[in-house]
């Protein structure tokens, strides 16, 4: 049996008003990506986008999106992402752009990268706290987000190896 290879793009939806992120859903993001690909790459791109492309995960609170593309055409579709200027969701046009953070061969490698990326963002955010109380409140909230039954260092990733197969 032949395994069909895919690529996963971890993208961040950037909007000026964070409350508009709550309107996002997977169908709206998929429609925006398909429209951008069709506009940039024509019928050929639209045909490639209709084959095995889907939005695997959308987090409306953080603006994180996982997109899955066939391996043979992910660069073509990836090149159309900067041309997305808005997403039509719930009858409203949300002005935004997609920032591609990582390209991975498996969803697991994208998740590992997302954990490292969020850790870096946290270390950038903590020095900007106005006082110690605010910093401690952020630390407590993060520690409360750990897995049930796990230890507080559950997010520490000891193995930094990438499992992407480069073929």
C-alpha atoms as a PDB file:
ATOM      1  CA  UNK A   1       0.000   0.000   0.000  1.00  0.00           C
ATOM      2  CA  UNK A   2       1.325   3.415  -0.932  1.00  0.00           C
ATOM      3  CA  UNK A   3       1.200   6.127   1.670  1.00  0.00           C
ATOM      4  CA  UNK A   4       0.096   9.504   0.388  1.00  0.00           C
ATOM      5  CA  UNK A   5       2.371  12.199   1.786  1.00  0.00           C
ATOM      6  CA  UNK A   6       1.130  15.522   3.062  1.00  0.00           C
ATOM      7  CA  UNK A   7       2.599  18.712   4.422  1.00  0.00           C
ATOM      8  CA  UNK A   8       1.154  20.628   7.318  1.00  0.00           C
ATOM      9  CA  UNK A   9       1.417  24.392   7.509  1.00  0.00           C
ATOM     10  CA  UNK A  10       1.148  26.001  10.914  1.00  0.00           C
ATOM     11  CA  UNK A  11      -0.197  29.506  10.362  1.00  0.00           C
ATOM     12  CA  UNK A  12      -1.086  32.394  12.603  1.00  0.00           C
ATOM     13  CA  UNK A  13      -4.056  34.607  11.727  1.00  0.00           C
ATOM     14  CA  UNK A  14      -3.167  38.231  12.443  1.00  0.00           C
ATOM     15  CA  UNK A  15      -6.012  40.708  12.902  1.00  0.00           C
ATOM     16  CA  UNK A  16      -6.121  44.242  14.242  1.00  0.00           C
ATOM     17  CA  UNK A  17      -9.080  43.525  16.552  1.00  0.00           C
ATOM     18  CA  UNK A  18      -8.556  40.291  18.557  1.00  0.00           C
ATOM     19  CA  UNK A  19     -12.302  39.948  19.224  1.00  0.00           C
ATOM     20  CA  UNK A  20     -12.857  39.230  15.515  1.00  0.00           C
ATOM     21  CA  UNK A  21     -10.868  36.008  15.840  1.00  0.00           C
ATOM     22  CA  UNK A  22     -13.830  34.405  17.603  1.00  0.00           C
ATOM     23  CA  UNK A  23     -15.775  34.537  14.335  1.00  0.00           C
ATOM     24  CA  UNK A  24     -13.290  32.276  12.527  1.00  0.00           C
ATOM     25  CA  UNK A  25     -14.133  28.709  11.631  1.00  0.00           C
ATOM     26  CA  UNK A  26     -12.504  26.086   9.419  1.00  0.00           C
ATOM     27  CA  UNK A  27     -14.858  26.590   6.463  1.00  0.00           C
ATOM     28  CA  UNK A  28     -14.160  30.335   6.339  1.00  0.00           C
ATOM     29  CA  UNK A  29     -10.381  29.823   6.399  1.00  0.00           C
ATOM     30  CA  UNK A  30     -10.591  27.064   3.767  1.00  0.00           C
ATOM     31  CA  UNK A  31     -12.694  29.260   1.484  1.00  0.00           C
ATOM     32  CA  UNK A  32     -10.244  32.157   1.841  1.00  0.00           C
ATOM     33  CA  UNK A  33      -7.240  29.923   1.042  1.00  0.00           C
ATOM     34  CA  UNK A  34      -8.986  28.349  -1.959  1.00  0.00           C
ATOM     35  CA  UNK A  35     -10.006  31.770  -3.292  1.00  0.00           C
ATOM     36  CA  UNK A  36      -6.452  33.117  -2.945  1.00  0.00           C
ATOM     37  CA  UNK A  37      -4.968  30.085  -4.689  1.00  0.00           C
ATOM     38  CA  UNK A  38      -7.484  30.355  -7.537  1.00  0.00           C
ATOM     39  CA  UNK A  39      -6.797  34.083  -7.885  1.00  0.00           C
ATOM     40  CA  UNK A  40      -2.994  33.711  -7.911  1.00  0.00           C
ATOM     41  CA  UNK A  41      -2.468  30.387  -9.718  1.00  0.00           C
ATOM     42  CA  UNK A  42      -5.629  30.130 -11.814  1.00  0.00           C
ATOM     43  CA  UNK A  43      -7.426  26.909 -12.668  1.00  0.00           C
ATOM     44  CA  UNK A  44      -4.353  24.762 -12.089  1.00  0.00           C
ATOM     45  CA  UNK A  45      -3.979  26.020  -8.523  1.00  0.00           C
ATOM     46  CA  UNK A  46      -7.700  25.710  -7.866  1.00  0.00           C
ATOM     47  CA  UNK A  47      -7.623  22.091  -9.037  1.00  0.00           C
ATOM     48  CA  UNK A  48      -4.643  21.281  -6.804  1.00  0.00           C
ATOM     49  CA  UNK A  49      -6.347  22.977  -3.873  1.00  0.00           C
ATOM     50  CA  UNK A  50      -9.451  20.847  -4.321  1.00  0.00           C
ATOM     51  CA  UNK A  51      -7.434  17.609  -3.985  1.00  0.00           C
ATOM     52  CA  UNK A  52      -6.832  16.573  -0.366  1.00  0.00           C
ATOM     53  CA  UNK A  53      -6.557  20.114   1.003  1.00  0.00           C
ATOM     54  CA  UNK A  54      -8.263  20.749   4.306  1.00  0.00           C
ATOM     55  CA  UNK A  55      -8.072  22.811   7.433  1.00  0.00           C
ATOM     56  CA  UNK A  56      -7.220  20.403  10.238  1.00  0.00           C
ATOM     57  CA  UNK A  57      -7.470  22.762  13.203  1.00  0.00           C
ATOM     58  CA  UNK A  58      -8.539  26.331  13.946  1.00  0.00           C
ATOM     59  CA  UNK A  59      -8.142  27.888  17.375  1.00  0.00           C
ATOM     60  CA  UNK A  60     -10.249  31.026  17.361  1.00  0.00           C
ATOM     61  CA  UNK A  61      -8.814  32.242  20.686  1.00  0.00           C
ATOM     62  CA  UNK A  62      -5.157  32.192  19.641  1.00  0.00           C
ATOM     63  CA  UNK A  63      -5.550  32.500  15.872  1.00  0.00           C
ATOM     64  CA  UNK A  64      -3.656  29.261  15.197  1.00  0.00           C
ATOM     65  CA  UNK A  65      -4.489  27.302  12.036  1.00  0.00           C
ATOM     66  CA  UNK A  66      -3.204  23.935  10.752  1.00  0.00           C
ATOM     67  CA  UNK A  67      -3.524  23.483   6.981  1.00  0.00           C
ATOM     68  CA  UNK A  68      -2.896  20.154   5.232  1.00  0.00           C
ATOM     69  CA  UNK A  69      -1.731  20.045   1.615  1.00  0.00           C
ATOM     70  CA  UNK A  70      -0.466  17.270  -0.645  1.00  0.00           C
ATOM     71  CA  UNK A  71       3.329  17.196  -0.534  1.00  0.00           C
ATOM     72  CA  UNK A  72       3.783  17.661  -4.265  1.00  0.00           C
ATOM     73  CA  UNK A  73       1.985  21.011  -4.360  1.00  0.00           C
ATOM     74  CA  UNK A  74       2.412  22.590  -0.947  1.00  0.00           C
ATOM     75  CA  UNK A  75       4.878  25.231  -2.198  1.00  0.00           C
ATOM     76  CA  UNK A  76       2.462  26.408  -4.848  1.00  0.00           C
ATOM     77  CA  UNK A  77      -0.312  26.747  -2.294  1.00  0.00           C
ATOM     78  CA  UNK A  78       2.020  28.190   0.340  1.00  0.00           C
ATOM     79  CA  UNK A  79       2.981  30.978  -2.058  1.00  0.00           C
ATOM     80  CA  UNK A  80      -0.649  32.149  -2.217  1.00  0.00           C
ATOM     81  CA  UNK A  81      -0.996  32.681   1.553  1.00  0.00           C
ATOM     82  CA  UNK A  82       0.437  36.243   1.606  1.00  0.00           C
ATOM     83  CA  UNK A  83      -2.326  37.318  -0.782  1.00  0.00           C
ATOM     84  CA  UNK A  84      -5.098  36.572   1.718  1.00  0.00           C
ATOM     85  CA  UNK A  85      -6.245  39.963   2.991  1.00  0.00           C
ATOM     86  CA  UNK A  86      -9.574  39.036   4.560  1.00  0.00           C
ATOM     87  CA  UNK A  87     -11.700  36.083   5.623  1.00  0.00           C
ATOM     88  CA  UNK A  88     -15.477  36.026   5.147  1.00  0.00           C
ATOM     89  CA  UNK A  89     -17.000  34.535   8.324  1.00  0.00           C
ATOM     90  CA  UNK A  90     -20.536  34.780   9.730  1.00  0.00           C
ATOM     91  CA  UNK A  91     -21.502  37.327   7.086  1.00  0.00           C
ATOM     92  CA  UNK A  92     -18.676  39.658   8.121  1.00  0.00           C
ATOM     93  CA  UNK A  93     -15.454  40.387   6.296  1.00  0.00           C
ATOM     94  CA  UNK A  94     -12.556  40.115   8.756  1.00  0.00           C
ATOM     95  CA  UNK A  95      -9.432  41.945   7.529  1.00  0.00           C
ATOM     96  CA  UNK A  96      -6.453  39.735   8.346  1.00  0.00           C
ATOM     97  CA  UNK A  97      -3.381  38.031   6.982  1.00  0.00           C
ATOM     98  CA  UNK A  98      -1.908  34.581   7.489  1.00  0.00           C
ATOM     99  CA  UNK A  99       1.630  34.316   8.792  1.00  0.00           C
ATOM    100  CA  UNK A 100       3.141  30.877   8.128  1.00  0.00           C
ATOM    101  CA  UNK A 101       5.137  29.839  11.197  1.00  0.00           C
ATOM    102  CA  UNK A 102       6.216  26.298  10.324  1.00  0.00           C
ATOM    103  CA  UNK A 103       5.991  23.640   7.617  1.00  0.00           C
ATOM    104  CA  UNK A 104       6.055  20.065   8.839  1.00  0.00           C
ATOM    105  CA  UNK A 105       5.684  16.540   7.547  1.00  0.00           C
ATOM    106  CA  UNK A 106       3.447  15.481  10.435  1.00  0.00           C
ATOM    107  CA  UNK A 107       0.978  17.252  12.634  1.00  0.00           C
ATOM    108  CA  UNK A 108       3.030  16.200  15.645  1.00  0.00           C
ATOM    109  CA  UNK A 109       6.095  18.160  14.525  1.00  0.00           C
ATOM    110  CA  UNK A 110       3.901  21.208  14.032  1.00  0.00           C
ATOM    111  CA  UNK A 111       2.531  20.779  17.555  1.00  0.00           C
ATOM    112  CA  UNK A 112       6.057  20.521  18.981  1.00  0.00           C
ATOM    113  CA  UNK A 113       7.052  23.667  17.125  1.00  0.00           C
ATOM    114  CA  UNK A 114       3.937  25.455  18.412  1.00  0.00           C
ATOM    115  CA  UNK A 115       4.887  24.615  21.998  1.00  0.00           C
ATOM    116  CA  UNK A 116       8.407  25.995  21.484  1.00  0.00           C
ATOM    117  CA  UNK A 117       7.040  29.083  19.710  1.00  0.00           C
ATOM    118  CA  UNK A 118       4.542  29.818  22.496  1.00  0.00           C
ATOM    119  CA  UNK A 119       7.327  29.419  25.053  1.00  0.00           C
ATOM    120  CA  UNK A 120       9.433  31.993  23.194  1.00  0.00           C
ATOM    121  CA  UNK A 121       6.487  34.366  22.986  1.00  0.00           C
ATOM    122  CA  UNK A 122       5.944  33.972  26.721  1.00  0.00           C
ATOM    123  CA  UNK A 123       9.572  34.816  27.483  1.00  0.00           C
ATOM    124  CA  UNK A 124       9.192  37.932  25.340  1.00  0.00           C
ATOM    125  CA  UNK A 125       5.953  38.887  27.086  1.00  0.00           C
ATOM    126  CA  UNK A 126       7.000  38.407  30.726  1.00  0.00           C
ATOM    127  CA  UNK A 127       9.605  41.230  30.813  1.00  0.00           C
ATOM    128  CA  UNK A 128       6.909  43.635  29.599  1.00  0.00           C
ATOM    129  CA  UNK A 129       4.777  43.067  32.708  1.00  0.00           C
ATOM    130  CA  UNK A 130       4.222  46.225  34.713  1.00  0.00           C
ATOM    131  CA  UNK A 131       4.610  44.672  38.157  1.00  0.00           C
ATOM    132  CA  UNK A 132       5.384  41.394  39.931  1.00  0.00           C
ATOM    133  CA  UNK A 133       1.710  40.644  40.603  1.00  0.00           C
ATOM    134  CA  UNK A 134       0.923  40.695  36.897  1.00  0.00           C
ATOM    135  CA  UNK A 135       3.898  38.439  36.170  1.00  0.00           C
ATOM    136  CA  UNK A 136       2.888  35.945  38.875  1.00  0.00           C
ATOM    137  CA  UNK A 137      -0.695  35.912  37.613  1.00  0.00           C
ATOM    138  CA  UNK A 138       0.504  35.008  34.112  1.00  0.00           C
ATOM    139  CA  UNK A 139       2.764  32.268  35.497  1.00  0.00           C
ATOM    140  CA  UNK A 140      -0.096  30.800  37.566  1.00  0.00           C
ATOM    141  CA  UNK A 141      -2.436  30.777  34.560  1.00  0.00           C
ATOM    142  CA  UNK A 142       0.149  28.971  32.464  1.00  0.00           C
ATOM    143  CA  UNK A 143       0.779  26.372  35.152  1.00  0.00           C
ATOM    144  CA  UNK A 144      -2.988  25.787  35.381  1.00  0.00           C
ATOM    145  CA  UNK A 145      -3.003  24.913  31.680  1.00  0.00           C
ATOM    146  CA  UNK A 146      -0.921  21.764  32.171  1.00  0.00           C
ATOM    147  CA  UNK A 147      -2.356  18.350  31.414  1.00  0.00           C
ATOM    148  CA  UNK A 148      -4.518  16.624  34.005  1.00  0.00           C
ATOM    149  CA  UNK A 149      -2.492  14.126  35.997  1.00  0.00           C
ATOM    150  CA  UNK A 150       0.754  15.419  34.541  1.00  0.00           C
ATOM    151  CA  UNK A 151       3.539  17.346  36.150  1.00  0.00           C
ATOM    152  CA  UNK A 152       4.013  21.093  35.820  1.00  0.00           C
ATOM    153  CA  UNK A 153       6.986  20.569  33.505  1.00  0.00           C
ATOM    154  CA  UNK A 154       4.751  18.722  31.013  1.00  0.00           C
ATOM    155  CA  UNK A 155       5.459  21.310  28.361  1.00  0.00           C
ATOM    156  CA  UNK A 156       9.239  20.938  28.589  1.00  0.00           C
ATOM    157  CA  UNK A 157      10.295  19.125  25.443  1.00  0.00           C
ATOM    158  CA  UNK A 158      13.482  17.204  26.068  1.00  0.00           C
ATOM    159  CA  UNK A 159      13.873  15.916  22.539  1.00  0.00           C
ATOM    160  CA  UNK A 160      14.377  18.608  19.953  1.00  0.00           C
ATOM    161  CA  UNK A 161      14.601  16.201  17.024  1.00  0.00           C
ATOM    162  CA  UNK A 162      12.554  16.897  13.932  1.00  0.00           C
ATOM    163  CA  UNK A 163      10.748  13.932  12.475  1.00  0.00           C
ATOM    164  CA  UNK A 164      10.228  15.469   9.050  1.00  0.00           C
ATOM    165  CA  UNK A 165      11.301  13.205   6.291  1.00  0.00           C
ATOM    166  CA  UNK A 166      12.938  15.160   3.514  1.00  0.00           C
ATOM    167  CA  UNK A 167      12.270  13.346   0.293  1.00  0.00           C
END
